[in-house]
N, C-alpha and C. Protein backbone atom coordinates (compact mmCIF):
# COMPACT_ATOMS: atom_id res chain seq x y z
N MET A 1 0.90 -1.09 -0.09
CA MET A 1 -0.22 0.26 -0.10
C MET A 1 0.99 1.33 0.14
N PRO A 2 0.76 2.11 -0.95
CA PRO A 2 1.56 3.04 -0.60
C PRO A 2 0.80 3.99 0.18
N GLY A 3 2.15 4.80 0.81
CA GLY A 3 1.86 5.50 2.08
C GLY A 3 0.65 6.85 2.19
N GLU A 4 0.68 7.45 0.81
CA GLU A 4 0.26 8.26 0.69
C GLU A 4 0.45 8.92 -0.83
N PHE A 5 -0.57 10.05 -0.88
CA PHE A 5 -0.91 10.06 -2.57
C PHE A 5 -1.38 11.72 -2.05
N THR A 6 -1.48 12.76 -3.31
CA THR A 6 -1.47 13.68 -3.48
C THR A 6 -2.63 14.45 -3.68
N LEU A 7 -3.18 15.43 -4.08
CA LEU A 7 -5.03 15.41 -3.64
C LEU A 7 -4.50 17.30 -4.05
N HIS A 8 -4.66 17.99 -5.03
CA HIS A 8 -4.39 18.64 -5.32
C HIS A 8 -3.30 19.84 -4.36
N GLY A 9 -2.01 19.37 -4.52
CA GLY A 9 -1.22 19.43 -3.26
C GLY A 9 -0.76 19.69 -2.25
N VAL A 10 -1.65 18.43 -1.40
CA VAL A 10 -1.94 18.26 -0.15
C VAL A 10 -2.19 17.09 -0.14
N PHE A 11 -0.97 16.05 0.46
CA PHE A 11 -0.22 15.10 0.71
C PHE A 11 -1.33 14.06 1.65
N VAL A 12 -2.14 12.91 1.17
CA VAL A 12 -3.53 12.16 2.22
C VAL A 12 -2.89 10.72 2.48
N PRO A 13 -2.93 10.26 3.80
CA PRO A 13 -2.57 9.17 3.92
C PRO A 13 -3.77 8.38 3.41
N THR A 14 -2.81 7.22 2.27
CA THR A 14 -3.35 6.22 2.03
C THR A 14 -5.16 5.67 3.02
N LEU A 15 -4.38 5.31 4.53
CA LEU A 15 -5.37 5.09 5.49
C LEU A 15 -6.71 5.40 5.30
N VAL A 16 -6.48 7.22 5.19
CA VAL A 16 -7.80 8.86 5.61
C VAL A 16 -8.68 7.99 4.29
N ALA A 17 -7.76 7.91 2.75
CA ALA A 17 -9.05 7.61 1.87
C ALA A 17 -9.74 6.47 2.41
N MET A 18 -8.86 5.12 3.09
CA MET A 18 -10.20 4.16 2.56
C MET A 18 -10.58 4.01 3.96
N MET A 19 -10.37 5.15 4.72
CA MET A 19 -11.77 5.42 5.20
C MET A 19 -12.82 5.72 5.27
N VAL A 20 -12.84 7.04 4.35
CA VAL A 20 -13.81 7.72 3.98
C VAL A 20 -14.49 6.62 2.70
N LEU A 21 -13.61 5.67 2.59
CA LEU A 21 -14.79 4.81 1.44
C LEU A 21 -15.46 3.24 2.44
N ALA A 22 -14.90 3.33 3.44
CA ALA A 22 -15.31 2.46 4.28
C ALA A 22 -16.42 2.80 5.53
N TRP A 23 -16.14 4.16 5.30
CA TRP A 23 -17.73 4.66 5.76
C TRP A 23 -18.25 5.00 5.06
N VAL A 24 -18.46 5.11 3.73
CA VAL A 24 -19.49 5.56 2.28
C VAL A 24 -20.21 4.20 2.30
N LEU A 25 -19.12 2.98 2.43
CA LEU A 25 -19.75 1.61 1.72
C LEU A 25 -20.65 1.33 3.22
N GLY A 26 -20.04 1.52 4.26
CA GLY A 26 -21.04 1.23 5.79
C GLY A 26 -22.95 1.92 5.74
N SER A 27 -22.67 2.82 5.27
CA SER A 27 -23.46 3.67 5.48
C SER A 27 -24.48 3.83 4.88
N GLY A 28 -24.29 3.00 3.59
CA GLY A 28 -25.20 2.99 2.22
C GLY A 28 -25.58 1.13 2.85
N LEU A 29 -24.87 0.43 3.75
CA LEU A 29 -24.90 -1.29 3.80
C LEU A 29 -26.45 -0.87 5.00
N ALA A 30 -25.77 0.49 6.26
CA ALA A 30 -26.79 0.48 6.65
C ALA A 30 -28.26 0.95 6.43
N PHE A 31 -28.16 1.92 5.46
CA PHE A 31 -29.51 2.27 5.29
C PHE A 31 -30.14 1.73 4.12
N VAL A 32 -29.21 0.20 3.23
CA VAL A 32 -30.16 -0.89 3.13
C VAL A 32 -30.71 -2.16 3.83
N LEU A 33 -29.93 -1.78 5.54
CA LEU A 33 -30.53 -2.77 6.19
C LEU A 33 -31.71 -1.98 7.10
N ARG A 34 -31.38 -0.59 7.81
CA ARG A 34 -32.79 0.10 7.91
C ARG A 34 -33.86 -0.16 6.47
N ARG A 35 -34.02 0.11 5.81
CA ARG A 35 -35.24 -0.21 5.24
C ARG A 35 -35.88 -1.68 4.86
N VAL A 36 -34.51 -2.73 4.92
CA VAL A 36 -35.21 -3.97 5.34
C VAL A 36 -35.77 -4.72 6.81
N GLY A 37 -35.26 -3.57 7.58
CA GLY A 37 -36.32 -3.79 9.08
C GLY A 37 -35.25 -4.38 9.84
N ALA A 38 -33.80 -4.65 9.75
CA ALA A 38 -33.05 -5.32 10.67
C ALA A 38 -32.45 -4.97 10.99
N TYR A 39 -32.82 -3.26 11.25
CA TYR A 39 -32.19 -2.87 12.80
C TYR A 39 -33.25 -3.50 14.10
N ARG A 40 -34.44 -3.98 13.78
CA ARG A 40 -35.47 -4.21 14.64
C ARG A 40 -34.79 -4.93 15.18
N HIS A 41 -34.03 -5.94 14.50
CA HIS A 41 -33.19 -7.27 15.47
C HIS A 41 -31.74 -6.61 16.34
N ILE A 42 -31.03 -6.03 16.02
CA ILE A 42 -29.91 -5.70 16.73
C ILE A 42 -29.93 -4.63 17.68
N TRP A 43 -29.35 -5.16 19.63
CA TRP A 43 -29.29 -4.87 20.36
C TRP A 43 -28.39 -3.14 20.12
N HIS A 44 -27.47 -2.71 19.31
CA HIS A 44 -27.00 -1.45 19.56
C HIS A 44 -26.40 -1.43 18.85
N PRO A 45 -27.46 -0.36 18.17
CA PRO A 45 -27.29 0.24 16.34
C PRO A 45 -25.84 0.73 16.60
N PRO A 46 -25.73 2.12 17.61
CA PRO A 46 -24.53 2.29 16.87
C PRO A 46 -23.14 1.04 17.20
N LEU A 47 -23.26 0.46 18.14
CA LEU A 47 -21.81 -0.94 18.18
C LEU A 47 -22.01 -1.55 17.05
N PHE A 48 -23.16 -1.89 16.39
CA PHE A 48 -23.37 -2.73 14.79
C PHE A 48 -22.68 -2.09 14.17
N ASN A 49 -23.12 -0.38 13.79
CA ASN A 49 -22.45 0.11 12.80
C ASN A 49 -20.43 0.77 13.13
N LEU A 50 -19.90 0.70 13.71
CA LEU A 50 -18.59 0.76 13.97
C LEU A 50 -18.32 -1.32 13.85
N ALA A 51 -19.16 -1.93 14.60
CA ALA A 51 -17.94 -3.44 13.73
C ALA A 51 -18.57 -3.60 12.21
N VAL A 52 -19.27 -2.84 11.61
CA VAL A 52 -19.59 -2.75 10.40
C VAL A 52 -18.37 -2.21 9.20
N PHE A 53 -17.64 -0.48 10.15
CA PHE A 53 -17.37 0.19 9.63
C PHE A 53 -15.49 -0.59 9.60
N VAL A 54 -15.33 -1.04 10.53
CA VAL A 54 -14.06 -1.99 11.35
C VAL A 54 -14.44 -3.25 10.06
N VAL A 55 -14.99 -3.73 10.04
CA VAL A 55 -14.88 -4.94 8.81
C VAL A 55 -14.83 -4.79 7.28
N VAL A 56 -15.62 -3.33 7.12
CA VAL A 56 -15.78 -3.86 5.95
C VAL A 56 -14.24 -2.77 5.70
N LEU A 57 -13.70 -2.24 6.60
CA LEU A 57 -12.39 -1.28 6.17
C LEU A 57 -11.15 -2.66 5.97
N ASP A 58 -11.36 -3.27 6.66
CA ASP A 58 -9.99 -4.44 6.82
C ASP A 58 -10.48 -5.14 5.68
N GLY A 59 -11.33 -5.26 5.11
CA GLY A 59 -11.67 -5.69 4.12
C GLY A 59 -10.95 -5.16 2.38
N LEU A 60 -11.34 -3.56 2.70
CA LEU A 60 -10.48 -3.07 2.00
C LEU A 60 -9.05 -3.11 2.02
N LEU A 61 -8.79 -2.36 2.95
CA LEU A 61 -7.05 -2.62 3.30
C LEU A 61 -6.64 -4.36 2.62
N ARG A 62 -7.66 -5.36 2.97
CA ARG A 62 -6.82 -6.50 2.41
C ARG A 62 -7.00 -6.47 1.01
N LEU A 63 -8.40 -6.06 0.37
CA LEU A 63 -7.94 -5.72 -1.27
C LEU A 63 -6.73 -5.23 -1.31
N LEU A 64 -6.84 -4.09 -1.13
CA LEU A 64 -5.88 -3.74 -1.48
C LEU A 64 -4.69 -4.12 -1.60
N HIS A 65 -4.13 -4.44 -0.57
CA HIS A 65 -2.10 -5.44 0.13
C HIS A 65 -2.78 -6.70 -0.98
N GLY A 66 -3.64 -7.26 -1.35
CA GLY A 66 -3.63 -8.58 -2.15
C GLY A 66 -3.55 -9.88 -0.95
N ASN A 67 -4.04 -9.25 0.21
CA ASN A 67 -4.16 -10.43 1.33
C ASN A 67 -5.20 -10.55 1.36
N THR A 68 -5.25 -12.83 1.98
CA THR A 68 -6.43 -12.92 1.89
C THR A 68 -5.62 -14.01 3.17
N PRO A 69 -6.49 -13.97 3.81
CA PRO A 69 -6.49 -15.05 5.77
C PRO A 69 -5.55 -16.55 4.68
C-alpha cells in the first residue's frame, strides 16, 4: 500500500482515503439494513455500525494489499 497520495498539492494518507470509502460503503449498508427492518433485531445499532465499519475497512485494506486469510 502506498503511504500517501497527493490531492491538489496536499498529501493524503492512503488509510484516510480507505476510511472514507469504508464509511460510505458502511453507511450504504446501514441504509439498506434499515429499509429492510434488520435494525429491529440489533441490540445496539451504533455498536453494530462501528463493527460494520471495521469489517468493511479491513476488507478494503486486504483488497489493496492482496492479502487473504
